[in-house]
PDB file of N, CA and C in Angstrom:
ATOM      1  N   MET A   1      81.991 111.082 130.225  1.00  0.00           N
ATOM      2  CA  MET A   1      80.609 110.705 129.994  1.00  0.00           C
ATOM      3  C   MET A   1      80.594 109.367 129.265  1.00  0.00           C
ATOM      4  N   ALA A   2      79.686 108.476 129.682  1.00  0.00           N
ATOM      5  CA  ALA A   2      79.574 107.170 129.050  1.00  0.00           C
ATOM      6  C   ALA A   2      79.190 107.341 127.583  1.00  0.00           C
ATOM      7  N   GLU A   3      79.632 106.386 126.761  1.00  0.00           N
ATOM      8  CA  GLU A   3      79.402 106.486 125.322  1.00  0.00           C
ATOM      9  C   GLU A   3      77.914 106.556 124.986  1.00  0.00           C
ATOM     10  N   HIS A   4      77.070 105.764 125.691  1.00  0.00           N
ATOM     11  CA  HIS A   4      75.639 105.789 125.388  1.00  0.00           C
ATOM     12  C   HIS A   4      75.013 107.138 125.774  1.00  0.00           C
ATOM     13  N   ASN A   5      75.505 107.761 126.851  1.00  0.00           N
ATOM     14  CA  ASN A   5      75.013 109.096 127.219  1.00  0.00           C
ATOM     15  C   ASN A   5      75.400 110.127 126.174  1.00  0.00           C
ATOM     16  N   GLN A   6      76.617 110.025 125.674  1.00  0.00           N
ATOM     17  CA  GLN A   6      77.092 110.939 124.634  1.00  0.00           C
ATOM     18  C   GLN A   6      76.263 110.780 123.361  1.00  0.00           C
ATOM     19  N   PHE A   7      75.956 109.546 122.994  1.00  0.00           N
ATOM     20  CA  PHE A   7      75.142 109.296 121.810  1.00  0.00           C
ATOM     21  C   PHE A   7      73.738 109.864 122.003  1.00  0.00           C
ATOM     22  N   GLY A   8      73.170 109.732 123.205  1.00  0.00           N
ATOM     23  CA  GLY A   8      71.856 110.295 123.501  1.00  0.00           C
ATOM     24  C   GLY A   8      71.844 111.804 123.339  1.00  0.00           C
ATOM     25  N   LYS A   9      72.868 112.481 123.853  1.00  0.00           N
ATOM     26  CA  LYS A   9      72.975 113.938 123.709  1.00  0.00           C
ATOM     27  C   LYS A   9      73.137 114.329 122.241  1.00  0.00           C
ATOM     28  N   GLU A  10      73.952 113.557 121.517  1.00  0.00           N
ATOM     29  CA  GLU A  10      74.157 113.812 120.087  1.00  0.00           C
ATOM     30  C   GLU A  10      72.836 113.654 119.327  1.00  0.00           C
ATOM     31  N   ALA A  11      72.055 112.646 119.696  1.00  0.00           N
ATOM     32  CA  ALA A  11      70.776 112.406 119.035  1.00  0.00           C
ATOM     33  C   ALA A  11      69.790 113.540 119.333  1.00  0.00           C
ATOM     34  N   GLU A  12      69.744 114.003 120.573  1.00  0.00           N
ATOM     35  CA  GLU A  12      68.855 115.111 120.919  1.00  0.00           C
ATOM     36  C   GLU A  12      69.251 116.381 120.161  1.00  0.00           C
ATOM     37  N   GLU A  13      70.538 116.621 120.036  1.00  0.00           N
ATOM     38  CA  GLU A  13      71.003 117.787 119.275  1.00  0.00           C
ATOM     39  C   GLU A  13      70.611 117.653 117.803  1.00  0.00           C
ATOM     40  N   ARG A  14      70.774 116.461 117.251  1.00  0.00           N
ATOM     41  CA  ARG A  14      70.407 116.219 115.845  1.00  0.00           C
ATOM     42  C   ARG A  14      68.907 116.422 115.649  1.00  0.00           C
ATOM     43  N   ALA A  15      68.095 115.960 116.598  1.00  0.00           N
ATOM     44  CA  ALA A  15      66.640 116.124 116.525  1.00  0.00           C
ATOM     45  C   ALA A  15      66.272 117.604 116.575  1.00  0.00           C
ATOM     46  N   ALA A  16      66.913 118.361 117.454  1.00  0.00           N
ATOM     47  CA  ALA A  16      66.643 119.800 117.560  1.00  0.00           C
ATOM     48  C   ALA A  16      67.005 120.508 116.256  1.00  0.00           C
ATOM     49  N   GLN A  17      68.132 120.181 115.685  1.00  0.00           N
ATOM     50  CA  GLN A  17      68.544 120.797 114.414  1.00  0.00           C
ATOM     51  C   GLN A  17      67.575 120.427 113.287  1.00  0.00           C
ATOM     52  N   TYR A  18      67.126 119.198 113.291  1.00  0.00           N
ATOM     53  CA  TYR A  18      66.139 118.745 112.311  1.00  0.00           C
ATOM     54  C   TYR A  18      64.872 119.596 112.415  1.00  0.00           C
ATOM     55  N   LEU A  19      64.375 119.784 113.648  1.00  0.00           N
ATOM     56  CA  LEU A  19      63.157 120.574 113.857  1.00  0.00           C
ATOM     57  C   LEU A  19      63.357 122.030 113.431  1.00  0.00           C
ATOM     58  N   LEU A  20      64.488 122.607 113.777  1.00  0.00           N
ATOM     59  CA  LEU A  20      64.772 123.979 113.358  1.00  0.00           C
ATOM     60  C   LEU A  20      64.761 124.094 111.834  1.00  0.00           C
ATOM     61  N   GLY A  21      65.306 123.089 111.165  1.00  0.00           N
ATOM     62  CA  GLY A  21      65.311 123.073 109.701  1.00  0.00           C
ATOM     63  C   GLY A  21      63.916 122.977 109.106  1.00  0.00           C
ATOM     64  N   LYS A  22      62.973 122.450 109.888  1.00  0.00           N
ATOM     65  CA  LYS A  22      61.578 122.336 109.456  1.00  0.00           C
ATOM     66  C   LYS A  22      60.736 123.504 109.958  1.00  0.00           C
ATOM     67  N   LYS A  23      61.412 124.568 110.432  1.00  0.00           N
ATOM     68  CA  LYS A  23      60.770 125.818 110.865  1.00  0.00           C
ATOM     69  C   LYS A  23      59.983 125.699 112.169  1.00  0.00           C
ATOM     70  N   TYR A  24      60.390 124.775 113.041  1.00  0.00           N
ATOM     71  CA  TYR A  24      59.845 124.721 114.390  1.00  0.00           C
ATOM     72  C   TYR A  24      60.652 125.696 115.252  1.00  0.00           C
ATOM     73  N   SER A  25      60.012 126.261 116.264  1.00  0.00           N
ATOM     74  CA  SER A  25      60.720 127.056 117.265  1.00  0.00           C
ATOM     75  C   SER A  25      60.910 126.173 118.488  1.00  0.00           C
ATOM     76  N   ILE A  26      62.134 126.072 118.973  1.00  0.00           N
ATOM     77  CA  ILE A  26      62.413 125.272 120.159  1.00  0.00           C
ATOM     78  C   ILE A  26      62.146 126.146 121.386  1.00  0.00           C
ATOM     79  N   LEU A  27      61.221 125.714 122.238  1.00  0.00           N
ATOM     80  CA  LEU A  27      60.899 126.454 123.450  1.00  0.00           C
ATOM     81  C   LEU A  27      61.713 125.972 124.643  1.00  0.00           C
ATOM     82  N   GLU A  28      61.864 124.675 124.760  1.00  0.00           N
ATOM     83  CA  GLU A  28      62.573 124.072 125.896  1.00  0.00           C
ATOM     84  C   GLU A  28      63.263 122.799 125.431  1.00  0.00           C
ATOM     85  N   ARG A  29      64.357 122.507 126.097  1.00  0.00           N
ATOM     86  CA  ARG A  29      65.015 121.211 125.920  1.00  0.00           C
ATOM     87  C   ARG A  29      65.232 120.645 127.304  1.00  0.00           C
ATOM     88  N   ASN A  30      64.987 119.362 127.447  1.00  0.00           N
ATOM     89  CA  ASN A  30      65.147 118.659 128.718  1.00  0.00           C
ATOM     90  C   ASN A  30      64.344 119.327 129.830  1.00  0.00           C
ATOM     91  N   TYR A  31      63.057 119.506 129.580  1.00  0.00           N
ATOM     92  CA  TYR A  31      62.141 120.084 130.564  1.00  0.00           C
ATOM     93  C   TYR A  31      61.748 118.992 131.554  1.00  0.00           C
ATOM     94  N   TYR A  32      61.930 119.274 132.834  1.00  0.00           N
ATOM     95  CA  TYR A  32      61.619 118.306 133.882  1.00  0.00           C
ATOM     96  C   TYR A  32      60.410 118.741 134.685  1.00  0.00           C
ATOM     97  N   TYR A  33      59.544 117.770 134.976  1.00  0.00           N
ATOM     98  CA  TYR A  33      58.475 117.953 135.949  1.00  0.00           C
ATOM     99  C   TYR A  33      58.343 116.634 136.701  1.00  0.00           C
ATOM    100  N   GLN A  34      58.605 116.684 137.989  1.00  0.00           N
ATOM    101  CA  GLN A  34      58.613 115.501 138.851  1.00  0.00           C
ATOM    102  C   GLN A  34      59.486 114.416 138.222  1.00  0.00           C
ATOM    103  N   LYS A  35      58.919 113.276 137.860  1.00  0.00           N
ATOM    104  CA  LYS A  35      59.724 112.179 137.307  1.00  0.00           C
ATOM    105  C   LYS A  35      59.778 112.181 135.779  1.00  0.00           C
ATOM    106  N   ALA A  36      59.163 113.180 135.173  1.00  0.00           N
ATOM    107  CA  ALA A  36      59.096 113.227 133.712  1.00  0.00           C
ATOM    108  C   ALA A  36      60.159 114.152 133.142  1.00  0.00           C
ATOM    109  N   GLU A  37      60.689 113.755 132.017  1.00  0.00           N
ATOM    110  CA  GLU A  37      61.567 114.631 131.245  1.00  0.00           C
ATOM    111  C   GLU A  37      61.043 114.683 129.822  1.00  0.00           C
ATOM    112  N   ILE A  38      60.784 115.902 129.359  1.00  0.00           N
ATOM    113  CA  ILE A  38      60.402 116.093 127.965  1.00  0.00           C
ATOM    114  C   ILE A  38      61.672 116.508 127.235  1.00  0.00           C
ATOM    115  N   ASP A  39      62.054 115.726 126.233  1.00  0.00           N
ATOM    116  CA  ASP A  39      63.301 115.997 125.519  1.00  0.00           C
ATOM    117  C   ASP A  39      63.264 117.359 124.831  1.00  0.00           C
ATOM    118  N   ILE A  40      62.194 117.607 124.073  1.00  0.00           N
ATOM    119  CA  ILE A  40      62.089 118.873 123.342  1.00  0.00           C
ATOM    120  C   ILE A  40      60.636 119.337 123.359  1.00  0.00           C
ATOM    121  N   LEU A  41      60.445 120.602 123.671  1.00  0.00           N
ATOM    122  CA  LEU A  41      59.151 121.267 123.496  1.00  0.00           C
ATOM    123  C   LEU A  41      59.347 122.279 122.379  1.00  0.00           C
ATOM    124  N   ALA A  42      58.559 122.139 121.323  1.00  0.00           N
ATOM    125  CA  ALA A  42      58.699 123.013 120.166  1.00  0.00           C
ATOM    126  C   ALA A  42      57.338 123.576 119.790  1.00  0.00           C
ATOM    127  N   LEU A  43      57.375 124.670 119.063  1.00  0.00           N
ATOM    128  CA  LEU A  43      56.150 125.311 118.614  1.00  0.00           C
ATOM    129  C   LEU A  43      56.188 125.424 117.104  1.00  0.00           C
ATOM    130  N   LYS A  44      55.096 125.010 116.487  1.00  0.00           N
ATOM    131  CA  LYS A  44      54.934 125.200 115.044  1.00  0.00           C
ATOM    132  C   LYS A  44      53.512 125.685 114.825  1.00  0.00           C
ATOM    133  N   GLU A  45      53.417 126.904 114.313  1.00  0.00           N
ATOM    134  CA  GLU A  45      52.140 127.590 114.165  1.00  0.00           C
ATOM    135  C   GLU A  45      51.483 127.653 115.538  1.00  0.00           C
ATOM    136  N   ASN A  46      50.296 127.109 115.715  1.00  0.00           N
ATOM    137  CA  ASN A  46      49.628 127.172 117.014  1.00  0.00           C
ATOM    138  C   ASN A  46      49.619 125.801 117.692  1.00  0.00           C
ATOM    139  N   THR A  47      50.651 125.018 117.442  1.00  0.00           N
ATOM    140  CA  THR A  47      50.735 123.673 118.008  1.00  0.00           C
ATOM    141  C   THR A  47      51.995 123.536 118.835  1.00  0.00           C
ATOM    142  N   LEU A  48      51.805 123.142 120.087  1.00  0.00           N
ATOM    143  CA  LEU A  48      52.929 122.804 120.956  1.00  0.00           C
ATOM    144  C   LEU A  48      53.257 121.349 120.684  1.00  0.00           C
ATOM    145  N   VAL A  49      54.477 121.102 120.259  1.00  0.00           N
ATOM    146  CA  VAL A  49      54.891 119.751 119.895  1.00  0.00           C
ATOM    147  C   VAL A  49      55.815 119.211 120.971  1.00  0.00           C
ATOM    148  N   VAL A  50      55.375 118.127 121.592  1.00  0.00           N
ATOM    149  CA  VAL A  50      56.145 117.441 122.622  1.00  0.00           C
ATOM    150  C   VAL A  50      56.912 116.340 121.901  1.00  0.00           C
ATOM    151  N   VAL A  51      58.246 116.408 121.958  1.00  0.00           N
ATOM    152  CA  VAL A  51      59.061 115.483 121.181  1.00  0.00           C
ATOM    153  C   VAL A  51      59.840 114.569 122.120  1.00  0.00           C
ATOM    154  N   GLU A  52      59.632 113.287 121.940  1.00  0.00           N
ATOM    155  CA  GLU A  52      60.419 112.273 122.632  1.00  0.00           C
ATOM    156  C   GLU A  52      61.465 111.785 121.631  1.00  0.00           C
ATOM    157  N   VAL A  53      62.722 111.906 122.005  1.00  0.00           N
ATOM    158  CA  VAL A  53      63.817 111.467 121.137  1.00  0.00           C
ATOM    159  C   VAL A  53      64.262 110.090 121.594  1.00  0.00           C
ATOM    160  N   LYS A  54      64.301 109.153 120.661  1.00  0.00           N
ATOM    161  CA  LYS A  54      64.761 107.798 120.952  1.00  0.00           C
ATOM    162  C   LYS A  54      65.932 107.495 120.036  1.00  0.00           C
ATOM    163  N   ALA A  55      67.025 107.091 120.638  1.00  0.00           N
ATOM    164  CA  ALA A  55      68.235 106.807 119.860  1.00  0.00           C
ATOM    165  C   ALA A  55      68.700 105.383 120.101  1.00  0.00           C
ATOM    166  N   ARG A  56      69.143 104.754 119.058  1.00  0.00           N
ATOM    167  CA  ARG A  56      69.688 103.406 119.155  1.00  0.00           C
ATOM    168  C   ARG A  56      70.849 103.288 118.163  1.00  0.00           C
ATOM    169  N   SER A  57      71.779 102.457 118.524  1.00  0.00           N
ATOM    170  CA  SER A  57      72.901 102.221 117.607  1.00  0.00           C
ATOM    171  C   SER A  57      72.641 101.002 116.733  1.00  0.00           C
ATOM    172  N   SER A  58      71.506 100.335 116.969  1.00  0.00           N
ATOM    173  CA  SER A  58      71.147  99.170 116.172  1.00  0.00           C
ATOM    174  C   SER A  58      69.637  98.996 116.227  1.00  0.00           C
ATOM    175  N   SER A  59      69.069  98.456 115.182  1.00  0.00           N
ATOM    176  CA  SER A  59      67.640  98.150 115.196  1.00  0.00           C
ATOM    177  C   SER A  59      67.418  96.656 115.441  1.00  0.00           C
ATOM    178  N   TYR A  60      68.445  95.985 115.946  1.00  0.00           N
ATOM    179  CA  TYR A  60      68.375  94.541 116.162  1.00  0.00           C
ATOM    180  C   TYR A  60      67.180  94.157 117.033  1.00  0.00           C
ATOM    181  N   PHE A  61      66.910  94.922 118.088  1.00  0.00           N
ATOM    182  CA  PHE A  61      65.805  94.617 118.989  1.00  0.00           C
ATOM    183  C   PHE A  61      64.539  95.398 118.655  1.00  0.00           C
ATOM    184  N   GLY A  62      64.517  96.097 117.539  1.00  0.00           N
ATOM    185  CA  GLY A  62      63.353  96.884 117.124  1.00  0.00           C
ATOM    186  C   GLY A  62      63.757  98.312 116.838  1.00  0.00           C
ATOM    187  N   GLU A  63      62.843  99.008 116.218  1.00  0.00           N
ATOM    188  CA  GLU A  63      63.086 100.410 115.897  1.00  0.00           C
ATOM    189  C   GLU A  63      63.035 101.243 117.175  1.00  0.00           C
ATOM    190  N   PRO A  64      63.795 102.332 117.242  1.00  0.00           N
ATOM    191  CA  PRO A  64      63.851 103.137 118.468  1.00  0.00           C
ATOM    192  C   PRO A  64      62.489 103.597 118.978  1.00  0.00           C
ATOM    193  N   GLU A  65      61.581 103.952 118.066  1.00  0.00           N
ATOM    194  CA  GLU A  65      60.279 104.460 118.498  1.00  0.00           C
ATOM    195  C   GLU A  65      59.428 103.414 119.224  1.00  0.00           C
ATOM    196  N   GLN A  66      59.789 102.150 119.116  1.00  0.00           N
ATOM    197  CA  GLN A  66      59.060 101.092 119.807  1.00  0.00           C
ATOM    198  C   GLN A  66      59.347 101.075 121.306  1.00  0.00           C
ATOM    199  N   PHE A  67      60.276 101.883 121.760  1.00  0.00           N
ATOM    200  CA  PHE A  67      60.702 101.859 123.146  1.00  0.00           C
ATOM    201  C   PHE A  67      60.093 102.989 123.983  1.00  0.00           C
ATOM    202  N   VAL A  68      58.954 103.511 123.564  1.00  0.00           N
ATOM    203  CA  VAL A  68      58.231 104.505 124.360  1.00  0.00           C
ATOM    204  C   VAL A  68      57.108 103.752 125.076  1.00  0.00           C
ATOM    205  N   SER A  69      57.244 103.614 126.375  1.00  0.00           N
ATOM    206  CA  SER A  69      56.297 102.821 127.164  1.00  0.00           C
ATOM    207  C   SER A  69      55.040 103.608 127.511  1.00  0.00           C
ATOM    208  N   LYS A  70      54.000 102.889 127.948  1.00  0.00           N
ATOM    209  CA  LYS A  70      52.772 103.550 128.407  1.00  0.00           C
ATOM    210  C   LYS A  70      53.065 104.428 129.617  1.00  0.00           C
ATOM    211  N   LYS A  71      53.966 103.985 130.475  1.00  0.00           N
ATOM    212  CA  LYS A  71      54.342 104.791 131.633  1.00  0.00           C
ATOM    213  C   LYS A  71      54.975 106.107 131.188  1.00  0.00           C
ATOM    214  N   LYS A  72      55.863 106.048 130.197  1.00  0.00           N
ATOM    215  CA  LYS A  72      56.514 107.253 129.682  1.00  0.00           C
ATOM    216  C   LYS A  72      55.479 108.193 129.071  1.00  0.00           C
ATOM    217  N   ILE A  73      54.530 107.646 128.341  1.00  0.00           N
ATOM    218  CA  ILE A  73      53.469 108.466 127.744  1.00  0.00           C
ATOM    219  C   ILE A  73      52.675 109.168 128.839  1.00  0.00           C
ATOM    220  N   ARG A  74      52.335 108.461 129.896  1.00  0.00           N
ATOM    221  CA  ARG A  74      51.589 109.044 131.009  1.00  0.00           C
ATOM    222  C   ARG A  74      52.390 110.173 131.659  1.00  0.00           C
ATOM    223  N   LEU A  75      53.694 109.949 131.872  1.00  0.00           N
ATOM    224  CA  LEU A  75      54.543 110.987 132.456  1.00  0.00           C
ATOM    225  C   LEU A  75      54.617 112.220 131.554  1.00  0.00           C
ATOM    226  N   LEU A  76      54.762 112.005 130.256  1.00  0.00           N
ATOM    227  CA  LEU A  76      54.843 113.117 129.308  1.00  0.00           C
ATOM    228  C   LEU A  76      53.548 113.914 129.269  1.00  0.00           C
ATOM    229  N   THR A  77      52.419 113.227 129.246  1.00  0.00           N
ATOM    230  CA  THR A  77      51.144 113.938 129.172  1.00  0.00           C
ATOM    231  C   THR A  77      50.902 114.748 130.440  1.00  0.00           C
ATOM    232  N   ASN A  78      51.263 114.211 131.582  1.00  0.00           N
ATOM    233  CA  ASN A  78      51.117 114.974 132.828  1.00  0.00           C
ATOM    234  C   ASN A  78      52.033 116.192 132.836  1.00  0.00           C
ATOM    235  N   ALA A  79      53.264 116.011 132.410  1.00  0.00           N
ATOM    236  CA  ALA A  79      54.232 117.113 132.412  1.00  0.00           C
ATOM    237  C   ALA A  79      53.822 118.227 131.452  1.00  0.00           C
ATOM    238  N   VAL A  80      53.337 117.877 130.285  1.00  0.00           N
ATOM    239  CA  VAL A  80      52.963 118.919 129.329  1.00  0.00           C
ATOM    240  C   VAL A  80      51.699 119.637 129.790  1.00  0.00           C
ATOM    241  N   ASP A  81      50.818 118.946 130.468  1.00  0.00           N
ATOM    242  CA  ASP A  81      49.626 119.595 131.020  1.00  0.00           C
ATOM    243  C   ASP A  81      50.040 120.689 132.007  1.00  0.00           C
ATOM    244  N   ILE A  82      50.992 120.379 132.872  1.00  0.00           N
ATOM    245  CA  ILE A  82      51.512 121.368 133.827  1.00  0.00           C
ATOM    246  C   ILE A  82      52.178 122.525 133.082  1.00  0.00           C
ATOM    247  N   TYR A  83      52.985 122.200 132.078  1.00  0.00           N
ATOM    248  CA  TYR A  83      53.697 123.225 131.305  1.00  0.00           C
ATOM    249  C   TYR A  83      52.715 124.199 130.637  1.00  0.00           C
ATOM    250  N   VAL A  84      51.678 123.668 130.002  1.00  0.00           N
ATOM    251  CA  VAL A  84      50.699 124.504 129.307  1.00  0.00           C
ATOM    252  C   VAL A  84      49.981 125.412 130.305  1.00  0.00           C
ATOM    253  N   ASN A  85      49.563 124.842 131.428  1.00  0.00           N
ATOM    254  CA  ASN A  85      48.855 125.649 132.431  1.00  0.00           C
ATOM    255  C   ASN A  85      49.766 126.683 133.081  1.00  0.00           C
ATOM    256  N   LYS A  86      50.975 126.285 133.424  1.00  0.00           N
ATOM    257  CA  LYS A  86      51.931 127.195 134.064  1.00  0.00           C
ATOM    258  C   LYS A  86      52.258 128.392 133.171  1.00  0.00           C
ATOM    259  N   ASN A  87      52.344 128.148 131.866  1.00  0.00           N
ATOM    260  CA  ASN A  87      52.697 129.199 130.914  1.00  0.00           C
ATOM    261  C   ASN A  87      51.476 129.834 130.250  1.00  0.00           C
ATOM    262  N   ASP A  88      50.283 129.443 130.707  1.00  0.00           N
ATOM    263  CA  ASP A  88      49.024 130.000 130.214  1.00  0.00           C
ATOM    264  C   ASP A  88      48.980 130.003 128.681  1.00  0.00           C
ATOM    265  N   LEU A  89      49.251 128.839 128.095  1.00  0.00           N
ATOM    266  CA  LEU A  89      49.286 128.710 126.644  1.00  0.00           C
ATOM    267  C   LEU A  89      47.921 128.306 126.103  1.00  0.00           C
ATOM    268  N   ASP A  90      47.545 128.862 124.981  1.00  0.00           N
ATOM    269  CA  ASP A  90      46.322 128.500 124.289  1.00  0.00           C
ATOM    270  C   ASP A  90      46.739 127.889 122.952  1.00  0.00           C
ATOM    271  N   VAL A  91      47.108 126.623 123.011  1.00  0.00           N
ATOM    272  CA  VAL A  91      47.657 125.935 121.843  1.00  0.00           C
ATOM    273  C   VAL A  91      47.103 124.512 121.758  1.00  0.00           C
ATOM    274  N   GLU A  92      47.179 123.955 120.579  1.00  0.00           N
ATOM    275  CA  GLU A  92      46.950 122.522 120.410  1.00  0.00           C
ATOM    276  C   GLU A  92      48.221 121.832 120.889  1.00  0.00           C
ATOM    277  N   VAL A  93      48.101 120.592 121.320  1.00  0.00           N
ATOM    278  CA  VAL A  93      49.270 119.826 121.755  1.00  0.00           C
ATOM    279  C   VAL A  93      49.366 118.556 120.916  1.00  0.00           C
ATOM    280  N   ARG A  94      50.566 118.283 120.454  1.00  0.00           N
ATOM    281  CA  ARG A  94      50.818 117.086 119.652  1.00  0.00           C
ATOM    282  C   ARG A  94      52.032 116.375 120.222  1.00  0.00           C
ATOM    283  N   PHE A  95      51.991 115.054 120.208  1.00  0.00           N
ATOM    284  CA  PHE A  95      53.108 114.246 120.698  1.00  0.00           C
ATOM    285  C   PHE A  95      53.785 113.549 119.530  1.00  0.00           C
ATOM    286  N   ASP A  96      55.062 113.866 119.334  1.00  0.00           N
ATOM    287  CA  ASP A  96      55.853 113.267 118.258  1.00  0.00           C
ATOM    288  C   ASP A  96      56.986 112.445 118.838  1.00  0.00           C
ATOM    289  N   ILE A  97      57.461 111.526 118.037  1.00  0.00           N
ATOM    290  CA  ILE A  97      58.687 110.805 118.358  1.00  0.00           C
ATOM    291  C   ILE A  97      59.663 111.062 117.222  1.00  0.00           C
ATOM    292  N   ILE A  98      60.879 111.401 117.592  1.00  0.00           N
ATOM    293  CA  ILE A  98      61.954 111.436 116.600  1.00  0.00           C
ATOM    294  C   ILE A  98      62.915 110.328 116.984  1.00  0.00           C
ATOM    295  N   SER A  99      63.021 109.355 116.093  1.00  0.00           N
ATOM    296  CA  SER A  99      63.960 108.271 116.349  1.00  0.00           C
ATOM    297  C   SER A  99      65.226 108.532 115.543  1.00  0.00           C
ATOM    298  N   ILE A 100      66.321 108.262 116.204  1.00  0.00           N
ATOM    299  CA  ILE A 100      67.641 108.426 115.588  1.00  0.00           C
ATOM    300  C   ILE A 100      68.310 107.063 115.620  1.00  0.00           C
ATOM    301  N   LEU A 101      68.665 106.570 114.469  1.00  0.00           N
ATOM    302  CA  LEU A 101      69.318 105.270 114.359  1.00  0.00           C
ATOM    303  C   LEU A 101      70.691 105.469 113.733  1.00  0.00           C
ATOM    304  N   ARG A 102      71.706 104.971 114.402  1.00  0.00           N
ATOM    305  CA  ARG A 102      73.061 105.083 113.857  1.00  0.00           C
ATOM    306  C   ARG A 102      73.327 103.879 112.968  1.00  0.00           C
ATOM    307  N   GLN A 103      73.610 104.146 111.715  1.00  0.00           N
ATOM    308  CA  GLN A 103      73.969 103.097 110.766  1.00  0.00           C
ATOM    309  C   GLN A 103      75.202 103.540 110.005  1.00  0.00           C
ATOM    310  N   ASN A 104      76.247 102.739 110.110  1.00  0.00           N
ATOM    311  CA  ASN A 104      77.499 103.038 109.407  1.00  0.00           C
ATOM    312  C   ASN A 104      77.970 104.468 109.674  1.00  0.00           C
ATOM    313  N   ASN A 105      77.985 104.873 110.935  1.00  0.00           N
ATOM    314  CA  ASN A 105      78.407 106.204 111.382  1.00  0.00           C
ATOM    315  C   ASN A 105      77.556 107.337 110.824  1.00  0.00           C
ATOM    316  N   GLU A 106      76.369 107.025 110.333  1.00  0.00           N
ATOM    317  CA  GLU A 106      75.430 108.025 109.852  1.00  0.00           C
ATOM    318  C   GLU A 106      74.199 107.991 110.754  1.00  0.00           C
ATOM    319  N   LEU A 107      73.613 109.159 111.036  1.00  0.00           N
ATOM    320  CA  LEU A 107      72.414 109.224 111.855  1.00  0.00           C
ATOM    321  C   LEU A 107      71.190 109.312 110.946  1.00  0.00           C
ATOM    322  N   ILE A 108      70.317 108.327 111.063  1.00  0.00           N
ATOM    323  CA  ILE A 108      69.093 108.269 110.275  1.00  0.00           C
ATOM    324  C   ILE A 108      67.963 108.816 111.148  1.00  0.00           C
ATOM    325  N   VAL A 109      67.279 109.852 110.671  1.00  0.00           N
ATOM    326  CA  VAL A 109      66.213 110.516 111.429  1.00  0.00           C
ATOM    327  C   VAL A 109      64.861 110.048 110.896  1.00  0.00           C
ATOM    328  N   ASN A 110      63.989 109.651 111.817  1.00  0.00           N
ATOM    329  CA  ASN A 110      62.616 109.290 111.477  1.00  0.00           C
ATOM    330  C   ASN A 110      61.694 110.093 112.386  1.00  0.00           C
ATOM    331  N   HIS A 111      60.941 111.020 111.810  1.00  0.00           N
ATOM    332  CA  HIS A 111      60.043 111.884 112.569  1.00  0.00           C
ATOM    333  C   HIS A 111      58.621 111.344 112.445  1.00  0.00           C
ATOM    334  N   ILE A 112      58.066 110.924 113.570  1.00  0.00           N
ATOM    335  CA  ILE A 112      56.714 110.382 113.600  1.00  0.00           C
ATOM    336  C   ILE A 112      55.812 111.413 114.278  1.00  0.00           C
ATOM    337  N   GLU A 113      54.979 112.076 113.483  1.00  0.00           N
ATOM    338  CA  GLU A 113      54.049 113.052 114.027  1.00  0.00           C
ATOM    339  C   GLU A 113      52.824 112.329 114.582  1.00  0.00           C
ATOM    340  N   ASP A 114      52.213 112.927 115.633  1.00  0.00           N
ATOM    341  CA  ASP A 114      51.044 112.316 116.275  1.00  0.00           C
ATOM    342  C   ASP A 114      51.316 110.858 116.640  1.00  0.00           C
ATOM    343  N   ALA A 115      52.451 110.629 117.264  1.00  0.00           N
ATOM    344  CA  ALA A 115      52.869 109.268 117.594  1.00  0.00           C
ATOM    345  C   ALA A 115      51.971 108.629 118.648  1.00  0.00           C
ATOM    346  N   PHE A 116      51.416 109.437 119.538  1.00  0.00           N
ATOM    347  CA  PHE A 116      50.476 108.942 120.526  1.00  0.00           C
ATOM    348  C   PHE A 116      49.619 110.096 121.025  1.00  0.00           C
ATOM    349  N   TYR A 117      48.585 109.752 121.762  1.00  0.00           N
ATOM    350  CA  TYR A 117      47.609 110.728 122.219  1.00  0.00           C
ATOM    351  C   TYR A 117      47.435 110.621 123.727  1.00  0.00           C
ATOM    352  N   PHE A 118      46.781 111.626 124.308  1.00  0.00           N
ATOM    353  CA  PHE A 118      46.376 111.542 125.711  1.00  0.00           C
ATOM    354  C   PHE A 118      45.516 110.302 125.864  1.00  0.00           C
ATOM    355  N   PHE A 119      45.597 109.681 127.034  1.00  0.00           N
ATOM    356  CA  PHE A 119      44.649 108.570 127.284  1.00  0.00           C
ATOM    357  C   PHE A 119      44.149 108.623 128.684  1.00  0.00           C
TER     358      PHE A 119
END
């Protein structure tokens, strides 16, 4: 596996462990619908949390959370709409970003709640 793919998997695992430590329940990881992939679907109280994990080994070109495009947001919102309807869920939906930045072989976690909204 390419080094960047391995780092991405490591970052997603770190994000999942972070959420578990904050008492979130992980419902799905790497949920696919058409061209969309939701990294993590988690539940906290009555809120379905859609988590986009962004990992970078440097912040030279910007913080990892700056790399979520409008197209990606549109794909995520469509995918979660299908997920909620398919599973007949009666929950609030929130979109978070967890950015993972590698600095000096340490993973720095930044959890941004309500990072974006439906549009």
